[in-house]
C-alpha atoms as a PDB file:
ATOM      1  CA  UNK A   1      86.707  92.314  99.411  1.00  0.00           C
ATOM      2  CA  UNK A   2      86.659  90.687  95.994  1.00  0.00           C
ATOM      3  CA  UNK A   3      85.448  87.490  97.632  1.00  0.00           C
ATOM      4  CA  UNK A   4      82.771  89.400  99.562  1.00  0.00           C
ATOM      5  CA  UNK A   5      81.728  91.062  96.319  1.00  0.00           C
ATOM      6  CA  UNK A   6      81.442  87.712  94.542  1.00  0.00           C
ATOM      7  CA  UNK A   7      79.348  86.181  97.335  1.00  0.00           C
ATOM      8  CA  UNK A   8      76.970  89.146  97.611  1.00  0.00           C
ATOM      9  CA  UNK A   9      76.864  89.499  93.823  1.00  0.00           C
ATOM     10  CA  UNK A  10      75.741  85.884  93.446  1.00  0.00           C
ATOM     11  CA  UNK A  11      73.104  86.517  96.118  1.00  0.00           C
ATOM     12  CA  UNK A  12      71.882  89.626  94.244  1.00  0.00           C
ATOM     13  CA  UNK A  13      71.721  87.615  91.025  1.00  0.00           C
ATOM     14  CA  UNK A  14      69.629  84.972  92.782  1.00  0.00           C
ATOM     15  CA  UNK A  15      67.173  87.625  93.978  1.00  0.00           C
ATOM     16  CA  UNK A  16      67.029  89.081  90.457  1.00  0.00           C
ATOM     17  CA  UNK A  17      66.446  85.616  88.959  1.00  0.00           C
ATOM     18  CA  UNK A  18      63.425  85.105  91.231  1.00  0.00           C
ATOM     19  CA  UNK A  19      62.089  88.549  90.283  1.00  0.00           C
ATOM     20  CA  UNK A  20      62.572  87.811  86.558  1.00  0.00           C
ATOM     21  CA  UNK A  21      60.949  84.381  86.975  1.00  0.00           C
ATOM     22  CA  UNK A  22      64.043  82.547  85.735  1.00  0.00           C
ATOM     23  CA  UNK A  23      65.027  79.211  87.234  1.00  0.00           C
ATOM     24  CA  UNK A  24      67.150  80.429  90.178  1.00  0.00           C
ATOM     25  CA  UNK A  25      69.091  77.168  90.549  1.00  0.00           C
ATOM     26  CA  UNK A  26      70.150  77.188  86.901  1.00  0.00           C
ATOM     27  CA  UNK A  27      71.095  80.862  87.119  1.00  0.00           C
ATOM     28  CA  UNK A  28      73.114  80.104  90.265  1.00  0.00           C
ATOM     29  CA  UNK A  29      74.964  77.224  88.565  1.00  0.00           C
ATOM     30  CA  UNK A  30      75.722  79.320  85.480  1.00  0.00           C
ATOM     31  CA  UNK A  31      76.972  82.226  87.596  1.00  0.00           C
ATOM     32  CA  UNK A  32      79.269  80.055  89.713  1.00  0.00           C
ATOM     33  CA  UNK A  33      80.730  78.357  86.624  1.00  0.00           C
ATOM     34  CA  UNK A  34      81.295  81.673  84.818  1.00  0.00           C
ATOM     35  CA  UNK A  35      83.174  83.203  87.756  1.00  0.00           C
ATOM     36  CA  UNK A  36      86.199  81.054  86.832  1.00  0.00           C
ATOM     37  CA  UNK A  37      86.635  82.310  83.223  1.00  0.00           C
ATOM     38  CA  UNK A  38      85.783  85.813  84.461  1.00  0.00           C
ATOM     39  CA  UNK A  39      88.724  85.845  86.873  1.00  0.00           C
ATOM     40  CA  UNK A  40      91.012  84.323  84.234  1.00  0.00           C
ATOM     41  CA  UNK A  41      90.004  86.906  81.629  1.00  0.00           C
ATOM     42  CA  UNK A  42      90.402  89.794  84.071  1.00  0.00           C
ATOM     43  CA  UNK A  43      93.877  88.588  84.997  1.00  0.00           C
ATOM     44  CA  UNK A  44      94.976  88.032  81.393  1.00  0.00           C
ATOM     45  CA  UNK A  45      93.979  91.550  80.327  1.00  0.00           C
ATOM     46  CA  UNK A  46      95.974  92.952  83.243  1.00  0.00           C
ATOM     47  CA  UNK A  47      98.980  90.832  82.262  1.00  0.00           C
ATOM     48  CA  UNK A  48      98.642  91.963  78.633  1.00  0.00           C
ATOM     49  CA  UNK A  49      98.531  95.616  79.707  1.00  0.00           C
ATOM     50  CA  UNK A  50     101.694  95.111  81.805  1.00  0.00           C
ATOM     51  CA  UNK A  51     103.388  92.787  79.338  1.00  0.00           C
ATOM     52  CA  UNK A  52     106.767  94.522  79.473  1.00  0.00           C
ATOM     53  CA  UNK A  53     107.044  93.413  83.092  1.00  0.00           C
ATOM     54  CA  UNK A  54     105.514  89.943  82.739  1.00  0.00           C
ATOM     55  CA  UNK A  55     107.555  89.129  79.634  1.00  0.00           C
ATOM     56  CA  UNK A  56     110.624  89.291  81.851  1.00  0.00           C
ATOM     57  CA  UNK A  57     108.852  87.588  84.766  1.00  0.00           C
ATOM     58  CA  UNK A  58     106.522  84.949  83.268  1.00  0.00           C
ATOM     59  CA  UNK A  59     106.557  82.944  86.501  1.00  0.00           C
ATOM     60  CA  UNK A  60     104.624  85.778  88.172  1.00  0.00           C
ATOM     61  CA  UNK A  61     101.665  85.719  85.753  1.00  0.00           C
ATOM     62  CA  UNK A  62      99.714  83.313  87.965  1.00  0.00           C
ATOM     63  CA  UNK A  63     101.545  84.044  91.208  1.00  0.00           C
ATOM     64  CA  UNK A  64      99.306  84.529  94.242  1.00  0.00           C
ATOM     65  CA  UNK A  65     101.808  87.135  95.438  1.00  0.00           C
ATOM     66  CA  UNK A  66     100.987  89.350  92.434  1.00  0.00           C
ATOM     67  CA  UNK A  67      97.610  91.042  92.461  1.00  0.00           C
ATOM     68  CA  UNK A  68      96.113  92.772  89.465  1.00  0.00           C
ATOM     69  CA  UNK A  69      92.981  92.332  87.344  1.00  0.00           C
ATOM     70  CA  UNK A  70      91.075  94.376  84.786  1.00  0.00           C
ATOM     71  CA  UNK A  71      87.324  93.883  84.834  1.00  0.00           C
ATOM     72  CA  UNK A  72      87.006  94.568  81.124  1.00  0.00           C
ATOM     73  CA  UNK A  73      88.907  91.348  80.474  1.00  0.00           C
ATOM     74  CA  UNK A  74      86.261  89.337  82.323  1.00  0.00           C
ATOM     75  CA  UNK A  75      83.191  90.304  80.314  1.00  0.00           C
ATOM     76  CA  UNK A  76      84.079  89.063  76.773  1.00  0.00           C
ATOM     77  CA  UNK A  77      85.425  85.777  78.143  1.00  0.00           C
ATOM     78  CA  UNK A  78      82.250  85.271  80.191  1.00  0.00           C
ATOM     79  CA  UNK A  79      80.040  86.099  77.210  1.00  0.00           C
ATOM     80  CA  UNK A  80      81.780  83.540  74.998  1.00  0.00           C
ATOM     81  CA  UNK A  81      81.776  80.823  77.655  1.00  0.00           C
ATOM     82  CA  UNK A  82      78.138  81.485  78.494  1.00  0.00           C
ATOM     83  CA  UNK A  83      76.841  80.569  75.025  1.00  0.00           C
ATOM     84  CA  UNK A  84      77.202  76.758  75.316  1.00  0.00           C
ATOM     85  CA  UNK A  85      76.654  76.834  79.086  1.00  0.00           C
ATOM     86  CA  UNK A  86      73.325  78.655  78.915  1.00  0.00           C
ATOM     87  CA  UNK A  87      72.191  76.446  76.071  1.00  0.00           C
ATOM     88  CA  UNK A  88      72.950  73.362  78.175  1.00  0.00           C
ATOM     89  CA  UNK A  89      71.058  74.839  81.134  1.00  0.00           C
ATOM     90  CA  UNK A  90      68.116  75.933  78.949  1.00  0.00           C
ATOM     91  CA  UNK A  91      68.477  79.574  79.947  1.00  0.00           C
ATOM     92  CA  UNK A  92      67.848  82.453  77.581  1.00  0.00           C
ATOM     93  CA  UNK A  93      71.055  84.321  76.716  1.00  0.00           C
ATOM     94  CA  UNK A  94      69.628  87.836  76.996  1.00  0.00           C
ATOM     95  CA  UNK A  95      67.495  87.053  80.044  1.00  0.00           C
ATOM     96  CA  UNK A  96      70.461  85.594  81.914  1.00  0.00           C
ATOM     97  CA  UNK A  97      72.682  88.601  81.211  1.00  0.00           C
ATOM     98  CA  UNK A  98      69.957  90.994  82.319  1.00  0.00           C
ATOM     99  CA  UNK A  99      69.983  89.197  85.680  1.00  0.00           C
ATOM    100  CA  UNK A 100      73.789  89.128  85.739  1.00  0.00           C
ATOM    101  CA  UNK A 101      73.812  92.935  85.683  1.00  0.00           C
ATOM    102  CA  UNK A 102      72.922  92.844  89.371  1.00  0.00           C
ATOM    103  CA  UNK A 103      75.634  90.295  90.148  1.00  0.00           C
ATOM    104  CA  UNK A 104      78.262  92.386  88.377  1.00  0.00           C
ATOM    105  CA  UNK A 105      77.278  95.746  89.874  1.00  0.00           C
ATOM    106  CA  UNK A 106      77.023  94.467  93.447  1.00  0.00           C
ATOM    107  CA  UNK A 107      80.333  92.655  93.031  1.00  0.00           C
ATOM    108  CA  UNK A 108      81.932  95.804  91.655  1.00  0.00           C
ATOM    109  CA  UNK A 109      80.836  97.903  94.621  1.00  0.00           C
ATOM    110  CA  UNK A 110      82.582  95.722  97.196  1.00  0.00           C
ATOM    111  CA  UNK A 111      85.608  94.955  95.017  1.00  0.00           C
ATOM    112  CA  UNK A 112      86.315  98.677  94.623  1.00  0.00           C
ATOM    113  CA  UNK A 113      86.424  99.004  98.409  1.00  0.00           C
ATOM    114  CA  UNK A 114      89.179  96.379  98.241  1.00  0.00           C
ATOM    115  CA  UNK A 115      90.962  98.484  95.626  1.00  0.00           C
ATOM    116  CA  UNK A 116      90.727 101.481  97.953  1.00  0.00           C
ATOM    117  CA  UNK A 117      92.263  99.537 100.846  1.00  0.00           C
ATOM    118  CA  UNK A 118      94.967  97.958  98.677  1.00  0.00           C
ATOM    119  CA  UNK A 119      95.853 101.153  96.823  1.00  0.00           C
ATOM    120  CA  UNK A 120      95.314  99.751  93.338  1.00  0.00           C
ATOM    121  CA  UNK A 121      93.435 101.836  90.741  1.00  0.00           C
ATOM    122  CA  UNK A 122      94.432 104.844  92.851  1.00  0.00           C
ATOM    123  CA  UNK A 123      93.591 108.382  91.841  1.00  0.00           C
ATOM    124  CA  UNK A 124      95.903 111.189  90.811  1.00  0.00           C
ATOM    125  CA  UNK A 125      97.478 113.350  93.485  1.00  0.00           C
ATOM    126  CA  UNK A 126      95.307 116.387  94.205  1.00  0.00           C
ATOM    127  CA  UNK A 127      95.443 119.179  96.772  1.00  0.00           C
ATOM    128  CA  UNK A 128      91.898 120.297  95.988  1.00  0.00           C
ATOM    129  CA  UNK A 129      88.891 119.742  98.260  1.00  0.00           C
ATOM    130  CA  UNK A 130      88.201 116.333  96.718  1.00  0.00           C
ATOM    131  CA  UNK A 131      91.632 115.006  97.703  1.00  0.00           C
ATOM    132  CA  UNK A 132      91.763 112.361 100.454  1.00  0.00           C
ATOM    133  CA  UNK A 133      94.920 111.014 102.110  1.00  0.00           C
ATOM    134  CA  UNK A 134      95.230 107.580 100.446  1.00  0.00           C
ATOM    135  CA  UNK A 135      97.939 105.117  99.308  1.00  0.00           C
ATOM    136  CA  UNK A 136      98.703 103.895  95.811  1.00  0.00           C
ATOM    137  CA  UNK A 137      99.671 100.304  94.998  1.00  0.00           C
ATOM    138  CA  UNK A 138     103.283 101.097  95.940  1.00  0.00           C
ATOM    139  CA  UNK A 139     102.234 102.216  99.429  1.00  0.00           C
ATOM    140  CA  UNK A 140     102.927 105.911  98.776  1.00  0.00           C
ATOM    141  CA  UNK A 141     100.461 107.997 100.792  1.00  0.00           C
ATOM    142  CA  UNK A 142      99.336 111.463  99.702  1.00  0.00           C
ATOM    143  CA  UNK A 143      96.170 113.415  99.027  1.00  0.00           C
ATOM    144  CA  UNK A 144      94.528 111.795  96.018  1.00  0.00           C
ATOM    145  CA  UNK A 145      91.312 111.885  94.042  1.00  0.00           C
ATOM    146  CA  UNK A 146      89.358 108.917  95.499  1.00  0.00           C
ATOM    147  CA  UNK A 147      88.802 107.311  92.085  1.00  0.00           C
ATOM    148  CA  UNK A 148      87.814 103.974  93.604  1.00  0.00           C
ATOM    149  CA  UNK A 149      85.030 105.591  95.636  1.00  0.00           C
ATOM    150  CA  UNK A 150      83.826 107.552  92.619  1.00  0.00           C
ATOM    151  CA  UNK A 151      83.466 104.256  90.774  1.00  0.00           C
ATOM    152  CA  UNK A 152      81.530 102.848  93.752  1.00  0.00           C
ATOM    153  CA  UNK A 153      79.143 105.808  93.482  1.00  0.00           C
ATOM    154  CA  UNK A 154      78.755 105.152  89.739  1.00  0.00           C
ATOM    155  CA  UNK A 155      78.056 101.456  90.359  1.00  0.00           C
ATOM    156  CA  UNK A 156      75.438 102.280  93.012  1.00  0.00           C
ATOM    157  CA  UNK A 157      73.807 104.760  90.646  1.00  0.00           C
ATOM    158  CA  UNK A 158      73.712 102.199  87.831  1.00  0.00           C
ATOM    159  CA  UNK A 159      72.281  99.609  90.221  1.00  0.00           C
ATOM    160  CA  UNK A 160      69.435 101.961  91.176  1.00  0.00           C
ATOM    161  CA  UNK A 161      68.739 102.718  87.502  1.00  0.00           C
ATOM    162  CA  UNK A 162      68.825  99.003  86.614  1.00  0.00           C
ATOM    163  CA  UNK A 163      66.240  98.233  89.291  1.00  0.00           C
ATOM    164  CA  UNK A 164      64.033 101.087  88.055  1.00  0.00           C
ATOM    165  CA  UNK A 165      64.065 100.211  84.326  1.00  0.00           C
ATOM    166  CA  UNK A 166      64.426  96.411  84.359  1.00  0.00           C
ATOM    167  CA  UNK A 167      60.794  95.830  83.306  1.00  0.00           C
ATOM    168  CA  UNK A 168      60.608  98.683  80.808  1.00  0.00           C
ATOM    169  CA  UNK A 169      63.052  97.573  78.107  1.00  0.00           C
ATOM    170  CA  UNK A 170      61.839  95.980  74.874  1.00  0.00           C
ATOM    171  CA  UNK A 171      63.843  92.752  74.602  1.00  0.00           C
ATOM    172  CA  UNK A 172      65.877  90.352  76.757  1.00  0.00           C
ATOM    173  CA  UNK A 173      69.469  91.523  76.995  1.00  0.00           C
ATOM    174  CA  UNK A 174      68.613  95.206  76.584  1.00  0.00           C
ATOM    175  CA  UNK A 175      69.202  95.938  80.266  1.00  0.00           C
ATOM    176  CA  UNK A 176      72.671  94.402  80.074  1.00  0.00           C
ATOM    177  CA  UNK A 177      73.486  96.453  76.977  1.00  0.00           C
ATOM    178  CA  UNK A 178      72.214  99.698  78.535  1.00  0.00           C
ATOM    179  CA  UNK A 179      74.345  99.065  81.632  1.00  0.00           C
ATOM    180  CA  UNK A 180      77.459  98.268  79.556  1.00  0.00           C
ATOM    181  CA  UNK A 181      76.909 101.408  77.494  1.00  0.00           C
ATOM    182  CA  UNK A 182      76.392 103.587  80.579  1.00  0.00           C
ATOM    183  CA  UNK A 183      79.314 102.131  82.513  1.00  0.00           C
ATOM    184  CA  UNK A 184      81.683 102.502  79.553  1.00  0.00           C
ATOM    185  CA  UNK A 185      80.900 106.232  79.343  1.00  0.00           C
ATOM    186  CA  UNK A 186      81.413 106.713  83.080  1.00  0.00           C
ATOM    187  CA  UNK A 187      84.562 104.607  83.137  1.00  0.00           C
ATOM    188  CA  UNK A 188      86.048 106.527  80.192  1.00  0.00           C
ATOM    189  CA  UNK A 189      85.813 109.702  82.255  1.00  0.00           C
ATOM    190  CA  UNK A 190      87.054 108.071  85.463  1.00  0.00           C
ATOM    191  CA  UNK A 191      90.189 106.841  83.694  1.00  0.00           C
ATOM    192  CA  UNK A 192      91.436 110.436  83.463  1.00  0.00           C
ATOM    193  CA  UNK A 193      91.325 110.664  87.268  1.00  0.00           C
ATOM    194  CA  UNK A 194      93.560 107.644  87.888  1.00  0.00           C
ATOM    195  CA  UNK A 195      97.257 107.846  88.681  1.00  0.00           C
ATOM    196  CA  UNK A 196      99.504 107.039  85.727  1.00  0.00           C
ATOM    197  CA  UNK A 197     103.152 106.373  85.110  1.00  0.00           C
ATOM    198  CA  UNK A 198     105.238 109.499  84.353  1.00  0.00           C
ATOM    199  CA  UNK A 199     105.732 108.602  80.667  1.00  0.00           C
ATOM    200  CA  UNK A 200     102.281 107.133  80.085  1.00  0.00           C
ATOM    201  CA  UNK A 201     100.171 108.278  77.154  1.00  0.00           C
ATOM    202  CA  UNK A 202      96.989 110.286  77.681  1.00  0.00           C
ATOM    203  CA  UNK A 203      94.737 107.364  76.718  1.00  0.00           C
ATOM    204  CA  UNK A 204      95.029 104.099  78.641  1.00  0.00           C
ATOM    205  CA  UNK A 205      93.955 100.480  78.180  1.00  0.00           C
ATOM    206  CA  UNK A 206      90.842 101.418  80.165  1.00  0.00           C
ATOM    207  CA  UNK A 207      89.996 104.148  77.652  1.00  0.00           C
ATOM    208  CA  UNK A 208      90.373 101.733  74.729  1.00  0.00           C
ATOM    209  CA  UNK A 209      88.305  99.030  76.435  1.00  0.00           C
ATOM    210  CA  UNK A 210      85.608 101.569  77.321  1.00  0.00           C
ATOM    211  CA  UNK A 211      85.413 102.776  73.729  1.00  0.00           C
ATOM    212  CA  UNK A 212      85.157  99.216  72.387  1.00  0.00           C
ATOM    213  CA  UNK A 213      82.481  98.325  74.962  1.00  0.00           C
ATOM    214  CA  UNK A 214      80.503 101.460  74.103  1.00  0.00           C
ATOM    215  CA  UNK A 215      80.580 100.818  70.348  1.00  0.00           C
ATOM    216  CA  UNK A 216      79.669  97.144  70.753  1.00  0.00           C
ATOM    217  CA  UNK A 217      76.812  97.842  73.183  1.00  0.00           C
ATOM    218  CA  UNK A 218      75.245 100.686  71.220  1.00  0.00           C
ATOM    219  CA  UNK A 219      75.525  98.735  67.943  1.00  0.00           C
ATOM    220  CA  UNK A 220      73.751  95.639  69.318  1.00  0.00           C
ATOM    221  CA  UNK A 221      71.215  97.783  71.171  1.00  0.00           C
ATOM    222  CA  UNK A 222      70.380  99.768  68.036  1.00  0.00           C
ATOM    223  CA  UNK A 223      70.106  96.584  65.944  1.00  0.00           C
ATOM    224  CA  UNK A 224      67.767  94.913  68.436  1.00  0.00           C
ATOM    225  CA  UNK A 225      65.586  97.885  69.347  1.00  0.00           C
ATOM    226  CA  UNK A 226      62.104  97.636  67.809  1.00  0.00           C
ATOM    227  CA  UNK A 227      61.539 100.062  64.949  1.00  0.00           C
END
């Protein structure tokens, strides 16, 4: 499902590039190249968050038998790597990331279906009406809050909003910043619905990453917004 999400996300980005009148071939090349550091960054943040385990099992950090990624790790690595890449391809930084919003959101939708099937990012056990009989990553089935599907709904909602406002924002890159800001707020709330270890603290790595993303996005957005 992650692969399906990547393929359809690249396709969505190509459509968005045509609509934004960016060179679609250059956008395609940049997107394909940036997928590699994105996957590396997502994996490294997951490893860092589970370091107590991987410190004792370093051989499993890059093992194909071990799944596990955190999307928040992908974005800063992609942003840094995109600076020289976009300059070499003669693409505007803000314009490219506005288009990449559609790649990321479409990719997220299908990847979260993979999370649902695999049991990762599973929701807390719940006997209320919202509970659905689902597994966690350990294969334990019980009625859970379908946190993965709630994130799919959020991603679809953000995608609809992005399509609606993409021509109404004042500077290139503003759409990307608005989407990061909005997603970080939604994700902060969704983190409370996820299953956690018995001795885990109230706030998770996802909460911290969401807070950092929110502060960064709103700071840059406020600085760039016309007075």
